[in-house]
């Protein structure tokens, strides 16, 4: 029983629990302020200002880069460290070009767009691809 008490009294565990509770609280408050259903909450009522949207995308991107060590690579190699993120830059440019068409579709995810475009075949391809993505890759 003392082991459990030691874990719960750890300041990192306490901070993590408080952070998670704060996230759930903010999510609950925002869910009420957006109104509508879960789909409307998923896309923030389609009412985000562009600085907020760009900020969330950059935070995700920067977090992902630090997770995989891109910051250290850029520090060691200078501008050559930007090459691993070239695909992200190209993706941002492509999404910028087609964003109005995607928004006019009324879909909120790539699988929904595939289902609209390719009907039943698109759903089958989506489900098959996700089934393969869920399998762990093992090197024997």
C-alpha atoms as a PDB file:
ATOM      1  CA  UNK A   1       0.000   0.000   0.000  1.00  0.00           C
ATOM      2  CA  UNK A   2       2.900   2.348   0.630  1.00  0.00           C
ATOM      3  CA  UNK A   3       4.078   1.908  -2.981  1.00  0.00           C
ATOM      4  CA  UNK A   4       0.754   3.253  -4.248  1.00  0.00           C
ATOM      5  CA  UNK A   5       0.993   6.200  -1.847  1.00  0.00           C
ATOM      6  CA  UNK A   6       4.513   6.958  -3.066  1.00  0.00           C
ATOM      7  CA  UNK A   7       3.325   7.034  -6.677  1.00  0.00           C
ATOM      8  CA  UNK A   8       0.313   9.236  -5.945  1.00  0.00           C
ATOM      9  CA  UNK A   9       2.355  11.672  -3.856  1.00  0.00           C
ATOM     10  CA  UNK A  10       4.923  12.126  -6.638  1.00  0.00           C
ATOM     11  CA  UNK A  11       4.722  15.759  -7.850  1.00  0.00           C
ATOM     12  CA  UNK A  12       4.957  14.676 -11.505  1.00  0.00           C
ATOM     13  CA  UNK A  13       1.982  12.348 -11.121  1.00  0.00           C
ATOM     14  CA  UNK A  14      -0.010  15.049  -9.352  1.00  0.00           C
ATOM     15  CA  UNK A  15       0.829  17.612 -12.050  1.00  0.00           C
ATOM     16  CA  UNK A  16      -0.110  15.136 -14.805  1.00  0.00           C
ATOM     17  CA  UNK A  17      -3.459  14.350 -13.185  1.00  0.00           C
ATOM     18  CA  UNK A  18      -4.227  18.052 -12.681  1.00  0.00           C
ATOM     19  CA  UNK A  19      -3.286  18.770 -16.288  1.00  0.00           C
ATOM     20  CA  UNK A  20      -5.557  16.007 -17.586  1.00  0.00           C
ATOM     21  CA  UNK A  21      -8.428  17.245 -15.415  1.00  0.00           C
ATOM     22  CA  UNK A  22      -7.890  20.786 -16.721  1.00  0.00           C
ATOM     23  CA  UNK A  23      -7.984  19.515 -20.321  1.00  0.00           C
ATOM     24  CA  UNK A  24     -11.231  17.654 -19.691  1.00  0.00           C
ATOM     25  CA  UNK A  25     -12.680  20.750 -18.004  1.00  0.00           C
ATOM     26  CA  UNK A  26     -11.731  23.085 -20.850  1.00  0.00           C
ATOM     27  CA  UNK A  27     -13.094  20.551 -23.354  1.00  0.00           C
ATOM     28  CA  UNK A  28     -16.394  20.408 -21.485  1.00  0.00           C
ATOM     29  CA  UNK A  29     -16.706  24.186 -21.315  1.00  0.00           C
ATOM     30  CA  UNK A  30     -15.859  24.599 -24.987  1.00  0.00           C
ATOM     31  CA  UNK A  31     -18.271  21.805 -25.970  1.00  0.00           C
ATOM     32  CA  UNK A  32     -21.097  23.807 -24.419  1.00  0.00           C
ATOM     33  CA  UNK A  33     -19.993  27.081 -25.977  1.00  0.00           C
ATOM     34  CA  UNK A  34     -19.688  25.632 -29.503  1.00  0.00           C
ATOM     35  CA  UNK A  35     -23.147  24.112 -29.320  1.00  0.00           C
ATOM     36  CA  UNK A  36     -24.589  21.568 -31.679  1.00  0.00           C
ATOM     37  CA  UNK A  37     -23.401  17.993 -31.846  1.00  0.00           C
ATOM     38  CA  UNK A  38     -20.075  16.173 -31.619  1.00  0.00           C
ATOM     39  CA  UNK A  39     -19.330  16.768 -35.307  1.00  0.00           C
ATOM     40  CA  UNK A  40     -19.640  20.507 -34.767  1.00  0.00           C
ATOM     41  CA  UNK A  41     -17.329  20.301 -31.741  1.00  0.00           C
ATOM     42  CA  UNK A  42     -14.831  18.280 -33.802  1.00  0.00           C
ATOM     43  CA  UNK A  43     -14.364  21.179 -36.238  1.00  0.00           C
ATOM     44  CA  UNK A  44     -14.760  23.929 -33.589  1.00  0.00           C
ATOM     45  CA  UNK A  45     -17.963  25.142 -35.175  1.00  0.00           C
ATOM     46  CA  UNK A  46     -15.885  26.028 -38.271  1.00  0.00           C
ATOM     47  CA  UNK A  47     -15.321  29.373 -36.598  1.00  0.00           C
ATOM     48  CA  UNK A  48     -11.619  29.389 -35.687  1.00  0.00           C
ATOM     49  CA  UNK A  49      -9.708  32.519 -36.598  1.00  0.00           C
ATOM     50  CA  UNK A  50      -6.690  31.794 -38.793  1.00  0.00           C
ATOM     51  CA  UNK A  51      -4.078  32.697 -36.100  1.00  0.00           C
ATOM     52  CA  UNK A  52      -5.609  30.124 -33.725  1.00  0.00           C
ATOM     53  CA  UNK A  53      -5.761  27.467 -36.423  1.00  0.00           C
ATOM     54  CA  UNK A  54      -2.166  28.108 -37.515  1.00  0.00           C
ATOM     55  CA  UNK A  55      -1.066  28.098 -33.870  1.00  0.00           C
ATOM     56  CA  UNK A  56      -2.621  24.704 -33.204  1.00  0.00           C
ATOM     57  CA  UNK A  57      -1.097  23.235 -36.349  1.00  0.00           C
ATOM     58  CA  UNK A  58       2.334  24.633 -35.492  1.00  0.00           C
ATOM     59  CA  UNK A  59       2.104  23.378 -31.918  1.00  0.00           C
ATOM     60  CA  UNK A  60       1.331  19.890 -33.212  1.00  0.00           C
ATOM     61  CA  UNK A  61       4.111  20.085 -35.758  1.00  0.00           C
ATOM     62  CA  UNK A  62       6.698  21.428 -33.302  1.00  0.00           C
ATOM     63  CA  UNK A  63       5.694  18.850 -30.708  1.00  0.00           C
ATOM     64  CA  UNK A  64       6.076  16.098 -33.273  1.00  0.00           C
ATOM     65  CA  UNK A  65       9.447  17.459 -34.387  1.00  0.00           C
ATOM     66  CA  UNK A  66      10.790  17.524 -30.865  1.00  0.00           C
ATOM     67  CA  UNK A  67       9.476  14.022 -30.295  1.00  0.00           C
ATOM     68  CA  UNK A  68      11.452  12.660 -33.228  1.00  0.00           C
ATOM     69  CA  UNK A  69      14.568  14.773 -32.692  1.00  0.00           C
ATOM     70  CA  UNK A  70      14.272  17.208 -35.594  1.00  0.00           C
ATOM     71  CA  UNK A  71      15.370  20.126 -33.420  1.00  0.00           C
ATOM     72  CA  UNK A  72      18.653  18.421 -32.562  1.00  0.00           C
ATOM     73  CA  UNK A  73      19.199  17.485 -36.187  1.00  0.00           C
ATOM     74  CA  UNK A  74      18.669  21.101 -37.264  1.00  0.00           C
ATOM     75  CA  UNK A  75      20.998  22.341 -34.531  1.00  0.00           C
ATOM     76  CA  UNK A  76      23.765  19.952 -35.606  1.00  0.00           C
ATOM     77  CA  UNK A  77      23.376  20.323 -39.373  1.00  0.00           C
ATOM     78  CA  UNK A  78      22.031  23.842 -39.833  1.00  0.00           C
ATOM     79  CA  UNK A  79      19.726  24.413 -42.797  1.00  0.00           C
ATOM     80  CA  UNK A  80      20.270  20.833 -43.943  1.00  0.00           C
ATOM     81  CA  UNK A  81      18.146  19.835 -40.952  1.00  0.00           C
ATOM     82  CA  UNK A  82      15.108  21.280 -42.726  1.00  0.00           C
ATOM     83  CA  UNK A  83      15.096  18.549 -45.387  1.00  0.00           C
ATOM     84  CA  UNK A  84      13.241  15.982 -43.260  1.00  0.00           C
ATOM     85  CA  UNK A  85      10.333  18.415 -42.941  1.00  0.00           C
ATOM     86  CA  UNK A  86      10.151  19.212 -46.664  1.00  0.00           C
ATOM     87  CA  UNK A  87       7.163  16.910 -47.048  1.00  0.00           C
ATOM     88  CA  UNK A  88       5.326  18.872 -44.363  1.00  0.00           C
ATOM     89  CA  UNK A  89       5.967  22.159 -46.161  1.00  0.00           C
ATOM     90  CA  UNK A  90       4.738  20.706 -49.443  1.00  0.00           C
ATOM     91  CA  UNK A  91       1.672  19.297 -47.666  1.00  0.00           C
ATOM     92  CA  UNK A  92       0.879  22.700 -46.158  1.00  0.00           C
ATOM     93  CA  UNK A  93       1.069  24.313 -49.602  1.00  0.00           C
ATOM     94  CA  UNK A  94      -1.200  21.661 -51.124  1.00  0.00           C
ATOM     95  CA  UNK A  95      -3.745  21.966 -48.321  1.00  0.00           C
ATOM     96  CA  UNK A  96      -3.675  25.748 -48.675  1.00  0.00           C
ATOM     97  CA  UNK A  97      -4.519  25.387 -52.379  1.00  0.00           C
ATOM     98  CA  UNK A  98      -7.413  22.958 -51.892  1.00  0.00           C
ATOM     99  CA  UNK A  99      -8.754  24.072 -48.506  1.00  0.00           C
ATOM    100  CA  UNK A 100     -11.746  25.990 -49.897  1.00  0.00           C
ATOM    101  CA  UNK A 101     -12.899  22.977 -51.909  1.00  0.00           C
ATOM    102  CA  UNK A 102     -12.512  20.710 -48.883  1.00  0.00           C
ATOM    103  CA  UNK A 103     -14.437  23.131 -46.682  1.00  0.00           C
ATOM    104  CA  UNK A 104     -17.265  23.342 -49.220  1.00  0.00           C
ATOM    105  CA  UNK A 105     -17.638  19.546 -49.109  1.00  0.00           C
ATOM    106  CA  UNK A 106     -18.708  19.788 -45.491  1.00  0.00           C
ATOM    107  CA  UNK A 107     -16.521  16.856 -44.473  1.00  0.00           C
ATOM    108  CA  UNK A 108     -14.229  16.893 -41.494  1.00  0.00           C
ATOM    109  CA  UNK A 109     -11.841  14.040 -42.268  1.00  0.00           C
ATOM    110  CA  UNK A 110     -10.057  12.368 -45.155  1.00  0.00           C
ATOM    111  CA  UNK A 111     -12.090   9.138 -44.834  1.00  0.00           C
ATOM    112  CA  UNK A 112     -15.318  11.142 -45.181  1.00  0.00           C
ATOM    113  CA  UNK A 113     -13.980  12.791 -48.346  1.00  0.00           C
ATOM    114  CA  UNK A 114     -12.997   9.391 -49.757  1.00  0.00           C
ATOM    115  CA  UNK A 115     -16.457   8.033 -48.977  1.00  0.00           C
ATOM    116  CA  UNK A 116     -18.078  10.994 -50.740  1.00  0.00           C
ATOM    117  CA  UNK A 117     -15.864  10.685 -53.800  1.00  0.00           C
ATOM    118  CA  UNK A 118     -15.685   6.910 -54.204  1.00  0.00           C
ATOM    119  CA  UNK A 119     -18.824   5.784 -52.300  1.00  0.00           C
ATOM    120  CA  UNK A 120     -18.652   2.168 -51.166  1.00  0.00           C
ATOM    121  CA  UNK A 121     -15.225   1.521 -52.692  1.00  0.00           C
ATOM    122  CA  UNK A 122     -13.767   4.434 -50.753  1.00  0.00           C
ATOM    123  CA  UNK A 123     -15.114   3.081 -47.482  1.00  0.00           C
ATOM    124  CA  UNK A 124     -13.705  -0.361 -48.238  1.00  0.00           C
ATOM    125  CA  UNK A 125     -10.273   1.085 -49.078  1.00  0.00           C
ATOM    126  CA  UNK A 126     -10.319   3.179 -45.923  1.00  0.00           C
ATOM    127  CA  UNK A 127     -11.216   0.274 -43.674  1.00  0.00           C
ATOM    128  CA  UNK A 128      -8.666  -2.010 -45.320  1.00  0.00           C
ATOM    129  CA  UNK A 129      -5.873   0.542 -45.037  1.00  0.00           C
ATOM    130  CA  UNK A 130      -6.618   1.205 -41.368  1.00  0.00           C
ATOM    131  CA  UNK A 131      -6.662  -2.522 -40.680  1.00  0.00           C
ATOM    132  CA  UNK A 132      -3.136  -2.807 -42.098  1.00  0.00           C
ATOM    133  CA  UNK A 133      -1.967   0.325 -40.284  1.00  0.00           C
ATOM    134  CA  UNK A 134      -3.034  -1.165 -36.970  1.00  0.00           C
ATOM    135  CA  UNK A 135      -0.745  -4.168 -37.344  1.00  0.00           C
ATOM    136  CA  UNK A 136       2.608  -3.687 -35.618  1.00  0.00           C
ATOM    137  CA  UNK A 137       5.639  -3.889 -37.848  1.00  0.00           C
ATOM    138  CA  UNK A 138       8.072  -6.493 -36.601  1.00  0.00           C
ATOM    139  CA  UNK A 139      11.559  -7.148 -37.817  1.00  0.00           C
ATOM    140  CA  UNK A 140      12.472 -10.802 -37.585  1.00  0.00           C
END
